[in-house]
Amino acid sequence: MIILGLTGGIGMGKSTATATLRRLRIPVFDADATVHRLQARGGRAVAAIAATFPGSVPDGRVDREALRRAVLSDAAALKRLEAIVWPLVRDEERRFLARSRRGGARVVVLDVPLLFENAGEARVDQVIVVSAPLAVQRARVLRRPGMTADRFAAIHARQMPDGQKRRRADHVVRTGLSRFFAQAAIRRIIGRLRHSKP
């Protein structure tokens, strides 16, 4: 089974990429969606977050905005949060890979936004980076509800520069041209991998 890592900065087009992969019947592990489930009511991370960040769990589920404010400009607090969440995400990832192997998947994808930042490339066979010009990225992100220029700048500063990610990638998918162009590039990558020797 070939394990592909999918990564890229905020607003670079990972959602479009994962939608294309799913249409190609490629199993995708979505790390962000997993974090949301872990922090939802009854989620495995809720109790530990409530104990570590008082006031962030007002009604049995994590108030993501309150939690974001608590860690955005506090590196030590962010590390405490990561120490709670990351092991749980890795556990879910291992379960996903085990299910995929049992199901006979030829190719699977781990969609992990901070793959390089957290040395996650060691867990995959190849890496796809989705990339767009900064102006396109910024415009996409600022269209999101509740996003501000300052918040985008803070998130952008925590992520590895796009050029560095592209240099470390096995495949680069440009998403700033058109959706059709990006989808075609992903189909080509998956086509080659499906027909490669194990």
N, C-alpha and C. Protein backbone atom coordinates (compact mmCIF):
# COMPACT_ATOMS: atom_id res chain seq x y z
N MET A 1 0.84 -1.19 0.00
CA MET A 1 0.00 0.00 0.00
C MET A 1 0.88 1.24 0.00
N ILE A 2 0.61 2.15 -0.91
CA ILE A 2 1.37 3.40 -1.01
C ILE A 2 0.67 4.45 -0.15
N ILE A 3 1.43 5.06 0.76
CA ILE A 3 0.88 6.11 1.62
C ILE A 3 1.37 7.45 1.12
N LEU A 4 0.42 8.28 0.67
CA LEU A 4 0.73 9.62 0.20
C LEU A 4 0.42 10.63 1.29
N GLY A 5 1.32 11.57 1.50
CA GLY A 5 1.03 12.70 2.36
C GLY A 5 0.54 13.86 1.50
N LEU A 6 -0.52 14.51 1.93
CA LEU A 6 -1.03 15.69 1.24
C LEU A 6 -0.92 16.87 2.19
N THR A 7 -0.25 17.94 1.74
CA THR A 7 -0.08 19.08 2.61
C THR A 7 -0.02 20.36 1.81
N GLY A 8 0.02 21.46 2.52
CA GLY A 8 0.05 22.79 1.91
C GLY A 8 -0.45 23.78 2.93
N GLY A 9 -0.09 25.03 2.76
CA GLY A 9 -0.50 26.06 3.70
C GLY A 9 -1.99 26.30 3.67
N ILE A 10 -2.46 27.09 4.63
CA ILE A 10 -3.87 27.45 4.69
C ILE A 10 -4.28 28.13 3.38
N GLY A 11 -5.44 27.74 2.87
CA GLY A 11 -5.96 28.36 1.66
C GLY A 11 -5.30 27.95 0.37
N MET A 12 -4.49 26.90 0.41
CA MET A 12 -3.76 26.48 -0.79
C MET A 12 -4.57 25.55 -1.70
N GLY A 13 -5.67 25.00 -1.19
CA GLY A 13 -6.50 24.16 -2.05
C GLY A 13 -6.56 22.70 -1.67
N LYS A 14 -6.28 22.39 -0.40
CA LYS A 14 -6.33 20.98 0.02
C LYS A 14 -7.74 20.42 -0.08
N SER A 15 -8.76 21.23 0.18
CA SER A 15 -10.14 20.73 0.12
C SER A 15 -10.50 20.27 -1.29
N THR A 16 -10.10 21.05 -2.28
CA THR A 16 -10.34 20.66 -3.67
C THR A 16 -9.58 19.38 -3.99
N ALA A 17 -8.34 19.29 -3.49
CA ALA A 17 -7.53 18.10 -3.75
C ALA A 17 -8.15 16.86 -3.12
N THR A 18 -8.59 16.96 -1.87
CA THR A 18 -9.17 15.78 -1.22
C THR A 18 -10.50 15.38 -1.88
N ALA A 19 -11.28 16.36 -2.33
CA ALA A 19 -12.53 16.02 -3.02
C ALA A 19 -12.23 15.24 -4.30
N THR A 20 -11.19 15.65 -5.02
CA THR A 20 -10.79 14.93 -6.24
C THR A 20 -10.32 13.53 -5.91
N LEU A 21 -9.52 13.39 -4.87
CA LEU A 21 -9.02 12.07 -4.47
C LEU A 21 -10.16 11.14 -4.09
N ARG A 22 -11.13 11.66 -3.38
CA ARG A 22 -12.27 10.82 -2.98
C ARG A 22 -13.09 10.40 -4.19
N ARG A 23 -13.21 11.30 -5.17
CA ARG A 23 -13.92 10.90 -6.40
C ARG A 23 -13.17 9.79 -7.14
N LEU A 24 -11.86 9.75 -6.95
CA LEU A 24 -11.04 8.68 -7.55
C LEU A 24 -11.04 7.43 -6.67
N ARG A 25 -11.86 7.43 -5.62
CA ARG A 25 -11.99 6.30 -4.68
C ARG A 25 -10.70 6.01 -3.91
N ILE A 26 -9.98 7.08 -3.59
CA ILE A 26 -8.78 6.96 -2.76
C ILE A 26 -9.18 7.24 -1.31
N PRO A 27 -8.90 6.33 -0.39
CA PRO A 27 -9.19 6.61 1.03
C PRO A 27 -8.34 7.78 1.52
N VAL A 28 -8.98 8.73 2.19
CA VAL A 28 -8.29 9.93 2.68
C VAL A 28 -8.49 10.06 4.19
N PHE A 29 -7.39 10.21 4.91
CA PHE A 29 -7.45 10.52 6.34
C PHE A 29 -7.30 12.03 6.47
N ASP A 30 -8.30 12.69 7.01
CA ASP A 30 -8.33 14.14 7.14
C ASP A 30 -7.98 14.51 8.59
N ALA A 31 -6.76 15.00 8.80
CA ALA A 31 -6.31 15.29 10.16
C ALA A 31 -7.14 16.41 10.79
N ASP A 32 -7.47 17.44 10.00
CA ASP A 32 -8.27 18.54 10.55
C ASP A 32 -9.66 18.07 11.00
N ALA A 33 -10.30 17.26 10.15
CA ALA A 33 -11.63 16.75 10.51
C ALA A 33 -11.54 15.87 11.75
N THR A 34 -10.45 15.13 11.88
CA THR A 34 -10.25 14.29 13.06
C THR A 34 -10.14 15.14 14.32
N VAL A 35 -9.41 16.25 14.23
CA VAL A 35 -9.30 17.16 15.38
C VAL A 35 -10.68 17.69 15.77
N HIS A 36 -11.49 18.05 14.77
CA HIS A 36 -12.84 18.54 15.06
C HIS A 36 -13.65 17.48 15.81
N ARG A 37 -13.56 16.22 15.37
CA ARG A 37 -14.30 15.14 16.05
C ARG A 37 -13.80 14.94 17.47
N LEU A 38 -12.50 15.01 17.66
CA LEU A 38 -11.92 14.82 18.99
C LEU A 38 -12.37 15.91 19.95
N GLN A 39 -12.67 17.11 19.41
CA GLN A 39 -13.05 18.24 20.25
C GLN A 39 -14.56 18.45 20.33
N ALA A 40 -15.32 17.64 19.61
CA ALA A 40 -16.78 17.74 19.65
C ALA A 40 -17.32 17.12 20.94
N ARG A 41 -18.59 17.31 21.20
CA ARG A 41 -19.20 16.74 22.40
C ARG A 41 -18.96 15.23 22.44
N GLY A 42 -18.41 14.76 23.54
CA GLY A 42 -18.10 13.34 23.69
C GLY A 42 -16.77 12.95 23.08
N GLY A 43 -16.05 13.88 22.48
CA GLY A 43 -14.77 13.59 21.84
C GLY A 43 -13.69 13.23 22.84
N ARG A 44 -12.72 12.48 22.38
CA ARG A 44 -11.68 11.96 23.26
C ARG A 44 -10.75 13.02 23.84
N ALA A 45 -10.71 14.22 23.22
CA ALA A 45 -9.81 15.27 23.71
C ALA A 45 -10.49 16.25 24.66
N VAL A 46 -11.80 16.18 24.77
CA VAL A 46 -12.56 17.22 25.47
C VAL A 46 -12.16 17.34 26.94
N ALA A 47 -12.10 16.24 27.66
CA ALA A 47 -11.83 16.31 29.10
C ALA A 47 -10.45 16.89 29.38
N ALA A 48 -9.45 16.46 28.63
CA ALA A 48 -8.09 16.96 28.85
C ALA A 48 -7.97 18.44 28.50
N ILE A 49 -8.66 18.87 27.44
CA ILE A 49 -8.63 20.29 27.07
C ILE A 49 -9.33 21.13 28.14
N ALA A 50 -10.46 20.62 28.65
CA ALA A 50 -11.18 21.35 29.71
C ALA A 50 -10.30 21.53 30.94
N ALA A 51 -9.54 20.51 31.29
CA ALA A 51 -8.69 20.58 32.48
C ALA A 51 -7.49 21.51 32.26
N THR A 52 -6.99 21.55 31.04
CA THR A 52 -5.78 22.33 30.75
C THR A 52 -6.08 23.78 30.40
N PHE A 53 -7.25 24.00 29.79
CA PHE A 53 -7.63 25.35 29.36
C PHE A 53 -9.01 25.69 29.93
N PRO A 54 -9.06 26.09 31.19
CA PRO A 54 -10.35 26.40 31.82
C PRO A 54 -11.12 27.46 31.01
N GLY A 55 -12.42 27.21 30.88
CA GLY A 55 -13.27 28.13 30.13
C GLY A 55 -13.38 27.84 28.65
N SER A 56 -12.63 26.85 28.18
CA SER A 56 -12.66 26.54 26.75
C SER A 56 -13.69 25.46 26.40
N VAL A 57 -14.31 24.86 27.43
CA VAL A 57 -15.31 23.81 27.18
C VAL A 57 -16.57 24.17 27.97
N PRO A 58 -17.36 25.13 27.48
CA PRO A 58 -18.49 25.62 28.27
C PRO A 58 -19.69 24.68 28.33
N ASP A 59 -19.88 23.81 27.35
CA ASP A 59 -21.09 22.98 27.32
C ASP A 59 -20.83 21.55 26.85
N GLY A 60 -19.66 21.05 27.22
CA GLY A 60 -19.35 19.66 26.88
C GLY A 60 -18.64 19.49 25.55
N ARG A 61 -18.46 20.59 24.84
CA ARG A 61 -17.66 20.53 23.62
C ARG A 61 -16.75 21.75 23.60
N VAL A 62 -15.64 21.61 22.88
CA VAL A 62 -14.63 22.67 22.89
C VAL A 62 -15.15 23.89 22.11
N ASP A 63 -15.03 25.06 22.73
CA ASP A 63 -15.29 26.32 22.05
C ASP A 63 -14.00 26.65 21.29
N ARG A 64 -14.00 26.36 20.01
CA ARG A 64 -12.76 26.46 19.22
C ARG A 64 -12.22 27.89 19.16
N GLU A 65 -13.12 28.87 19.18
CA GLU A 65 -12.67 30.26 19.14
C GLU A 65 -11.98 30.63 20.45
N ALA A 66 -12.55 30.21 21.58
CA ALA A 66 -11.92 30.48 22.88
C ALA A 66 -10.57 29.78 22.98
N LEU A 67 -10.51 28.56 22.49
CA LEU A 67 -9.26 27.81 22.52
C LEU A 67 -8.22 28.48 21.62
N ARG A 68 -8.66 28.93 20.45
CA ARG A 68 -7.74 29.60 19.53
C ARG A 68 -7.14 30.84 20.18
N ARG A 69 -7.98 31.63 20.86
CA ARG A 69 -7.48 32.83 21.54
C ARG A 69 -6.46 32.46 22.63
N ALA A 70 -6.68 31.32 23.28
CA ALA A 70 -5.80 30.92 24.38
C ALA A 70 -4.41 30.52 23.91
N VAL A 71 -4.30 30.04 22.67
CA VAL A 71 -3.01 29.50 22.22
C VAL A 71 -2.35 30.28 21.10
N LEU A 72 -3.09 31.19 20.42
CA LEU A 72 -2.59 31.80 19.19
C LEU A 72 -1.27 32.52 19.39
N SER A 73 -1.12 33.26 20.47
CA SER A 73 0.12 34.02 20.67
C SER A 73 0.91 33.51 21.88
N ASP A 74 0.65 32.28 22.28
CA ASP A 74 1.30 31.70 23.46
C ASP A 74 1.89 30.34 23.05
N ALA A 75 3.19 30.33 22.75
CA ALA A 75 3.84 29.12 22.25
C ALA A 75 3.77 27.97 23.25
N ALA A 76 3.89 28.28 24.54
CA ALA A 76 3.84 27.22 25.55
C ALA A 76 2.45 26.61 25.62
N ALA A 77 1.42 27.45 25.53
CA ALA A 77 0.05 26.94 25.56
C ALA A 77 -0.23 26.09 24.33
N LEU A 78 0.28 26.52 23.18
CA LEU A 78 0.10 25.74 21.95
C LEU A 78 0.73 24.37 22.09
N LYS A 79 1.91 24.31 22.70
CA LYS A 79 2.58 23.01 22.89
C LYS A 79 1.77 22.11 23.82
N ARG A 80 1.15 22.70 24.85
CA ARG A 80 0.31 21.90 25.75
C ARG A 80 -0.89 21.33 25.00
N LEU A 81 -1.48 22.15 24.14
CA LEU A 81 -2.61 21.67 23.34
C LEU A 81 -2.18 20.56 22.40
N GLU A 82 -1.06 20.76 21.73
CA GLU A 82 -0.55 19.75 20.79
C GLU A 82 -0.26 18.44 21.51
N ALA A 83 0.24 18.51 22.74
CA ALA A 83 0.55 17.30 23.50
C ALA A 83 -0.71 16.51 23.82
N ILE A 84 -1.85 17.19 23.89
CA ILE A 84 -3.13 16.51 24.10
C ILE A 84 -3.65 15.92 22.80
N VAL A 85 -3.65 16.74 21.76
CA VAL A 85 -4.36 16.38 20.53
C VAL A 85 -3.56 15.45 19.62
N TRP A 86 -2.29 15.74 19.42
CA TRP A 86 -1.52 14.98 18.43
C TRP A 86 -1.49 13.47 18.67
N PRO A 87 -1.25 13.01 19.91
CA PRO A 87 -1.25 11.54 20.10
C PRO A 87 -2.59 10.90 19.73
N LEU A 88 -3.69 11.61 19.98
CA LEU A 88 -5.01 11.07 19.63
C LEU A 88 -5.20 11.04 18.12
N VAL A 89 -4.72 12.08 17.43
CA VAL A 89 -4.80 12.10 15.97
C VAL A 89 -3.97 10.97 15.38
N ARG A 90 -2.77 10.77 15.91
CA ARG A 90 -1.91 9.67 15.41
C ARG A 90 -2.57 8.32 15.63
N ASP A 91 -3.24 8.16 16.75
CA ASP A 91 -3.95 6.91 17.02
C ASP A 91 -5.04 6.68 15.98
N GLU A 92 -5.81 7.73 15.66
CA GLU A 92 -6.85 7.62 14.64
C GLU A 92 -6.24 7.34 13.26
N GLU A 93 -5.10 7.94 13.00
CA GLU A 93 -4.40 7.71 11.73
C GLU A 93 -3.99 6.24 11.61
N ARG A 94 -3.44 5.68 12.67
CA ARG A 94 -3.03 4.26 12.63
C ARG A 94 -4.24 3.36 12.39
N ARG A 95 -5.37 3.69 13.00
CA ARG A 95 -6.59 2.89 12.78
C ARG A 95 -7.03 2.99 11.32
N PHE A 96 -6.97 4.18 10.76
CA PHE A 96 -7.32 4.39 9.35
C PHE A 96 -6.43 3.53 8.44
N LEU A 97 -5.11 3.54 8.69
CA LEU A 97 -4.19 2.77 7.85
C LEU A 97 -4.46 1.27 7.99
N ALA A 98 -4.75 0.83 9.20
CA ALA A 98 -5.03 -0.59 9.40
C ALA A 98 -6.30 -1.00 8.65
N ARG A 99 -7.35 -0.16 8.71
CA ARG A 99 -8.59 -0.45 7.97
C ARG A 99 -8.33 -0.48 6.46
N SER A 100 -7.53 0.45 5.99
CA SER A 100 -7.25 0.54 4.56
C SER A 100 -6.48 -0.68 4.08
N ARG A 101 -5.52 -1.14 4.88
CA ARG A 101 -4.77 -2.35 4.50
C ARG A 101 -5.71 -3.56 4.45
N ARG A 102 -6.55 -3.69 5.47
CA ARG A 102 -7.49 -4.82 5.48
C ARG A 102 -8.42 -4.76 4.28
N GLY A 103 -8.76 -3.55 3.85
CA GLY A 103 -9.66 -3.39 2.71
C GLY A 103 -8.99 -3.52 1.36
N GLY A 104 -7.67 -3.73 1.36
CA GLY A 104 -6.95 -3.94 0.11
C GLY A 104 -6.66 -2.67 -0.69
N ALA A 105 -6.61 -1.51 -0.02
CA ALA A 105 -6.34 -0.26 -0.73
C ALA A 105 -4.95 -0.28 -1.35
N ARG A 106 -4.87 0.21 -2.57
CA ARG A 106 -3.58 0.30 -3.28
C ARG A 106 -2.85 1.59 -2.93
N VAL A 107 -3.61 2.68 -2.80
CA VAL A 107 -3.07 3.99 -2.47
C VAL A 107 -3.98 4.63 -1.43
N VAL A 108 -3.40 5.25 -0.40
CA VAL A 108 -4.18 6.02 0.57
C VAL A 108 -3.50 7.37 0.76
N VAL A 109 -4.25 8.32 1.31
CA VAL A 109 -3.73 9.68 1.50
C VAL A 109 -3.91 10.11 2.94
N LEU A 110 -2.86 10.69 3.51
CA LEU A 110 -2.94 11.33 4.81
C LEU A 110 -2.92 12.84 4.56
N ASP A 111 -4.06 13.50 4.76
CA ASP A 111 -4.18 14.93 4.58
C ASP A 111 -3.81 15.60 5.90
N VAL A 112 -2.57 16.12 5.96
CA VAL A 112 -2.03 16.68 7.21
C VAL A 112 -1.45 18.06 6.92
N PRO A 113 -2.14 19.13 7.32
CA PRO A 113 -1.67 20.47 6.99
C PRO A 113 -0.24 20.77 7.43
N LEU A 114 0.16 20.33 8.62
CA LEU A 114 1.50 20.62 9.13
C LEU A 114 2.41 19.39 9.02
N LEU A 115 2.32 18.69 7.91
CA LEU A 115 3.09 17.45 7.71
C LEU A 115 4.58 17.69 7.87
N PHE A 116 5.14 18.65 7.14
CA PHE A 116 6.57 18.92 7.22
C PHE A 116 6.96 19.54 8.56
N GLU A 117 6.12 20.44 9.05
CA GLU A 117 6.45 21.12 10.31
C GLU A 117 6.60 20.14 11.45
N ASN A 118 5.90 19.01 11.39
CA ASN A 118 5.94 18.02 12.47
C ASN A 118 6.63 16.72 12.06
N ALA A 119 7.50 16.80 11.05
CA ALA A 119 8.29 15.65 10.60
C ALA A 119 7.42 14.47 10.18
N GLY A 120 6.22 14.76 9.68
CA GLY A 120 5.30 13.70 9.28
C GLY A 120 5.67 13.01 7.98
N GLU A 121 6.60 13.59 7.21
CA GLU A 121 6.97 12.94 5.95
C GLU A 121 7.62 11.58 6.18
N ALA A 122 8.12 11.34 7.41
CA ALA A 122 8.72 10.04 7.73
C ALA A 122 7.67 8.93 7.74
N ARG A 123 6.38 9.30 7.85
CA ARG A 123 5.31 8.30 7.93
C ARG A 123 4.69 8.01 6.57
N VAL A 124 5.15 8.66 5.52
CA VAL A 124 4.55 8.48 4.20
C VAL A 124 5.60 8.09 3.18
N ASP A 125 5.13 7.57 2.04
CA ASP A 125 6.06 7.17 0.98
C ASP A 125 6.38 8.32 0.03
N GLN A 126 5.39 9.17 -0.23
CA GLN A 126 5.59 10.32 -1.10
C GLN A 126 4.71 11.46 -0.58
N VAL A 127 5.06 12.69 -0.99
CA VAL A 127 4.31 13.87 -0.52
C VAL A 127 3.81 14.68 -1.72
N ILE A 128 2.53 15.03 -1.67
CA ILE A 128 1.94 15.99 -2.60
C ILE A 128 1.79 17.32 -1.86
N VAL A 129 2.30 18.38 -2.45
CA VAL A 129 2.09 19.72 -1.90
C VAL A 129 1.18 20.49 -2.85
N VAL A 130 0.11 21.05 -2.30
CA VAL A 130 -0.75 21.94 -3.08
C VAL A 130 -0.26 23.37 -2.86
N SER A 131 -0.20 24.13 -3.93
CA SER A 131 0.45 25.43 -3.87
C SER A 131 -0.28 26.44 -4.74
N ALA A 132 -0.32 27.68 -4.27
CA ALA A 132 -0.89 28.78 -5.04
C ALA A 132 -0.10 30.04 -4.71
N PRO A 133 -0.13 31.04 -5.58
CA PRO A 133 0.55 32.31 -5.27
C PRO A 133 0.00 32.92 -3.98
N LEU A 134 0.84 33.68 -3.29
CA LEU A 134 0.45 34.27 -2.01
C LEU A 134 -0.82 35.12 -2.14
N ALA A 135 -0.94 35.89 -3.22
CA ALA A 135 -2.11 36.75 -3.38
C ALA A 135 -3.39 35.92 -3.47
N VAL A 136 -3.31 34.79 -4.17
CA VAL A 136 -4.47 33.90 -4.29
C VAL A 136 -4.78 33.27 -2.94
N GLN A 137 -3.74 32.79 -2.27
CA GLN A 137 -3.91 32.20 -0.94
C GLN A 137 -4.57 33.18 0.01
N ARG A 138 -4.05 34.39 0.05
CA ARG A 138 -4.57 35.40 0.99
C ARG A 138 -6.04 35.73 0.68
N ALA A 139 -6.35 35.89 -0.59
CA ALA A 139 -7.73 36.21 -0.96
C ALA A 139 -8.68 35.09 -0.57
N ARG A 140 -8.28 33.84 -0.78
CA ARG A 140 -9.12 32.70 -0.41
C ARG A 140 -9.39 32.69 1.10
N VAL A 141 -8.32 32.87 1.87
CA VAL A 141 -8.45 32.76 3.32
C VAL A 141 -9.29 33.91 3.88
N LEU A 142 -9.11 35.09 3.36
CA LEU A 142 -9.85 36.24 3.88
C LEU A 142 -11.33 36.19 3.55
N ARG A 143 -11.73 35.31 2.63
CA ARG A 143 -13.16 35.12 2.35
C ARG A 143 -13.83 34.24 3.40
N ARG A 144 -13.05 33.58 4.24
CA ARG A 144 -13.63 32.69 5.24
C ARG A 144 -14.31 33.49 6.35
N PRO A 145 -15.43 33.00 6.86
CA PRO A 145 -16.13 33.72 7.94
C PRO A 145 -15.23 33.89 9.16
N GLY A 146 -15.21 35.11 9.68
CA GLY A 146 -14.45 35.38 10.89
C GLY A 146 -12.96 35.58 10.70
N MET A 147 -12.46 35.43 9.50
CA MET A 147 -11.04 35.58 9.25
C MET A 147 -10.69 37.06 9.12
N THR A 148 -9.54 37.44 9.66
CA THR A 148 -9.03 38.80 9.54
C THR A 148 -7.62 38.76 8.98
N ALA A 149 -7.14 39.89 8.53
CA ALA A 149 -5.78 39.96 7.99
C ALA A 149 -4.76 39.61 9.08
N ASP A 150 -4.99 40.06 10.31
CA ASP A 150 -4.06 39.76 11.40
C ASP A 150 -4.05 38.27 11.73
N ARG A 151 -5.22 37.67 11.74
CA ARG A 151 -5.30 36.24 12.04
C ARG A 151 -4.63 35.44 10.94
N PHE A 152 -4.87 35.82 9.68
CA PHE A 152 -4.19 35.13 8.57
C PHE A 152 -2.68 35.26 8.71
N ALA A 153 -2.19 36.45 9.05
CA ALA A 153 -0.75 36.67 9.19
C ALA A 153 -0.16 35.78 10.28
N ALA A 154 -0.89 35.64 11.39
CA ALA A 154 -0.41 34.81 12.51
C ALA A 154 -0.35 33.34 12.11
N ILE A 155 -1.38 32.86 11.41
CA ILE A 155 -1.39 31.46 10.95
C ILE A 155 -0.29 31.24 9.93
N HIS A 156 -0.18 32.15 8.99
CA HIS A 156 0.81 32.05 7.91
C HIS A 156 2.23 32.00 8.48
N ALA A 157 2.47 32.78 9.53
CA ALA A 157 3.81 32.84 10.13
C ALA A 157 4.20 31.53 10.79
N ARG A 158 3.23 30.75 11.25
CA ARG A 158 3.52 29.47 11.92
C ARG A 158 3.80 28.35 10.92
N GLN A 159 3.46 28.56 9.65
CA GLN A 159 3.60 27.49 8.67
C GLN A 159 4.90 27.63 7.88
N MET A 160 5.44 26.50 7.48
CA MET A 160 6.64 26.50 6.67
C MET A 160 6.38 27.26 5.36
N PRO A 161 7.34 28.06 4.88
CA PRO A 161 7.13 28.79 3.63
C PRO A 161 6.80 27.85 2.47
N ASP A 162 5.91 28.32 1.60
CA ASP A 162 5.45 27.50 0.48
C ASP A 162 6.60 27.02 -0.39
N GLY A 163 7.55 27.89 -0.67
CA GLY A 163 8.68 27.49 -1.51
C GLY A 163 9.47 26.34 -0.93
N GLN A 164 9.63 26.34 0.38
CA GLN A 164 10.35 25.26 1.05
C GLN A 164 9.57 23.96 0.96
N LYS A 165 8.25 24.05 1.11
CA LYS A 165 7.42 22.84 0.99
C LYS A 165 7.53 22.28 -0.43
N ARG A 166 7.47 23.15 -1.42
CA ARG A 166 7.53 22.68 -2.81
C ARG A 166 8.86 21.99 -3.08
N ARG A 167 9.94 22.51 -2.53
CA ARG A 167 11.26 21.89 -2.75
C ARG A 167 11.34 20.50 -2.12
N ARG A 168 10.61 20.28 -1.05
CA ARG A 168 10.67 18.99 -0.35
C ARG A 168 9.65 17.98 -0.87
N ALA A 169 8.76 18.42 -1.75
CA ALA A 169 7.67 17.55 -2.21
C ALA A 169 8.13 16.60 -3.30
N ASP A 170 7.42 15.48 -3.41
CA ASP A 170 7.58 14.58 -4.56
C ASP A 170 6.72 15.03 -5.72
N HIS A 171 5.58 15.64 -5.41
CA HIS A 171 4.63 16.14 -6.42
C HIS A 171 4.12 17.50 -5.97
N VAL A 172 4.04 18.45 -6.89
CA VAL A 172 3.47 19.76 -6.59
C VAL A 172 2.25 19.96 -7.48
N VAL A 173 1.12 20.29 -6.86
CA VAL A 173 -0.11 20.56 -7.60
C VAL A 173 -0.41 22.05 -7.47
N ARG A 174 -0.40 22.74 -8.59
CA ARG A 174 -0.66 24.18 -8.61
C ARG A 174 -2.17 24.40 -8.63
N THR A 175 -2.66 25.12 -7.64
CA THR A 175 -4.12 25.33 -7.54
C THR A 175 -4.53 26.76 -7.87
N GLY A 176 -3.58 27.59 -8.26
CA GLY A 176 -3.91 28.98 -8.54
C GLY A 176 -4.32 29.24 -9.97
N LEU A 177 -4.25 28.22 -10.83
CA LEU A 177 -4.58 28.41 -12.24
C LEU A 177 -6.06 28.18 -12.49
N SER A 178 -6.50 26.95 -12.24
CA SER A 178 -7.93 26.63 -12.35
C SER A 178 -8.17 25.32 -11.64
N ARG A 179 -9.40 25.10 -11.24
CA ARG A 179 -9.75 23.84 -10.57
C ARG A 179 -9.52 22.66 -11.51
N PHE A 180 -9.84 22.84 -12.79
CA PHE A 180 -9.66 21.76 -13.76
C PHE A 180 -8.18 21.37 -13.85
N PHE A 181 -7.30 22.36 -13.88
CA PHE A 181 -5.86 22.11 -13.97
C PHE A 181 -5.38 21.30 -12.77
N ALA A 182 -5.81 21.69 -11.57
CA ALA A 182 -5.39 20.99 -10.35
C ALA A 182 -5.94 19.57 -10.32
N GLN A 183 -7.21 19.40 -10.70
CA GLN A 183 -7.81 18.07 -10.71
C GLN A 183 -7.10 17.15 -11.69
N ALA A 184 -6.75 17.68 -12.85
CA ALA A 184 -6.06 16.88 -13.86
C ALA A 184 -4.69 16.44 -13.34
N ALA A 185 -4.00 17.33 -12.65
CA ALA A 185 -2.69 16.99 -12.10
C ALA A 185 -2.81 15.87 -11.07
N ILE A 186 -3.83 15.93 -10.23
CA ILE A 186 -4.02 14.87 -9.23
C ILE A 186 -4.36 13.55 -9.89
N ARG A 187 -5.21 13.59 -10.91
CA ARG A 187 -5.55 12.34 -11.62
C ARG A 187 -4.31 11.71 -12.24
N ARG A 188 -3.41 12.53 -12.77
CA ARG A 188 -2.17 11.98 -13.36
C ARG A 188 -1.30 11.32 -12.29
N ILE A 189 -1.16 11.98 -11.15
CA ILE A 189 -0.34 11.41 -10.07
C ILE A 189 -0.91 10.06 -9.62
N ILE A 190 -2.21 10.03 -9.37
CA ILE A 190 -2.83 8.79 -8.89
C ILE A 190 -2.77 7.70 -9.96
N GLY A 191 -2.96 8.08 -11.21
CA GLY A 191 -2.87 7.10 -12.30
C GLY A 191 -1.51 6.44 -12.35
N ARG A 192 -0.45 7.24 -12.20
CA ARG A 192 0.91 6.67 -12.21
C ARG A 192 1.13 5.74 -11.02
N LEU A 193 0.66 6.16 -9.85
CA LEU A 193 0.87 5.34 -8.66
C LEU A 193 0.09 4.04 -8.71
N ARG A 194 -1.12 4.09 -9.24
CA ARG A 194 -1.93 2.87 -9.32
C ARG A 194 -1.31 1.83 -10.25
N HIS A 195 -0.54 2.29 -11.20
CA HIS A 195 0.06 1.36 -12.17
C HIS A 195 1.53 1.10 -11.91
N SER A 196 2.05 1.64 -10.79
CA SER A 196 3.45 1.39 -10.46
C SER A 196 3.58 0.04 -9.75
N LYS A 197 4.80 -0.48 -9.74
CA LYS A 197 5.03 -1.74 -9.06
C LYS A 197 5.08 -1.50 -7.55
N PRO A 198 4.56 -2.45 -6.77
CA PRO A 198 4.56 -2.30 -5.31
C PRO A 198 5.98 -2.15 -4.77
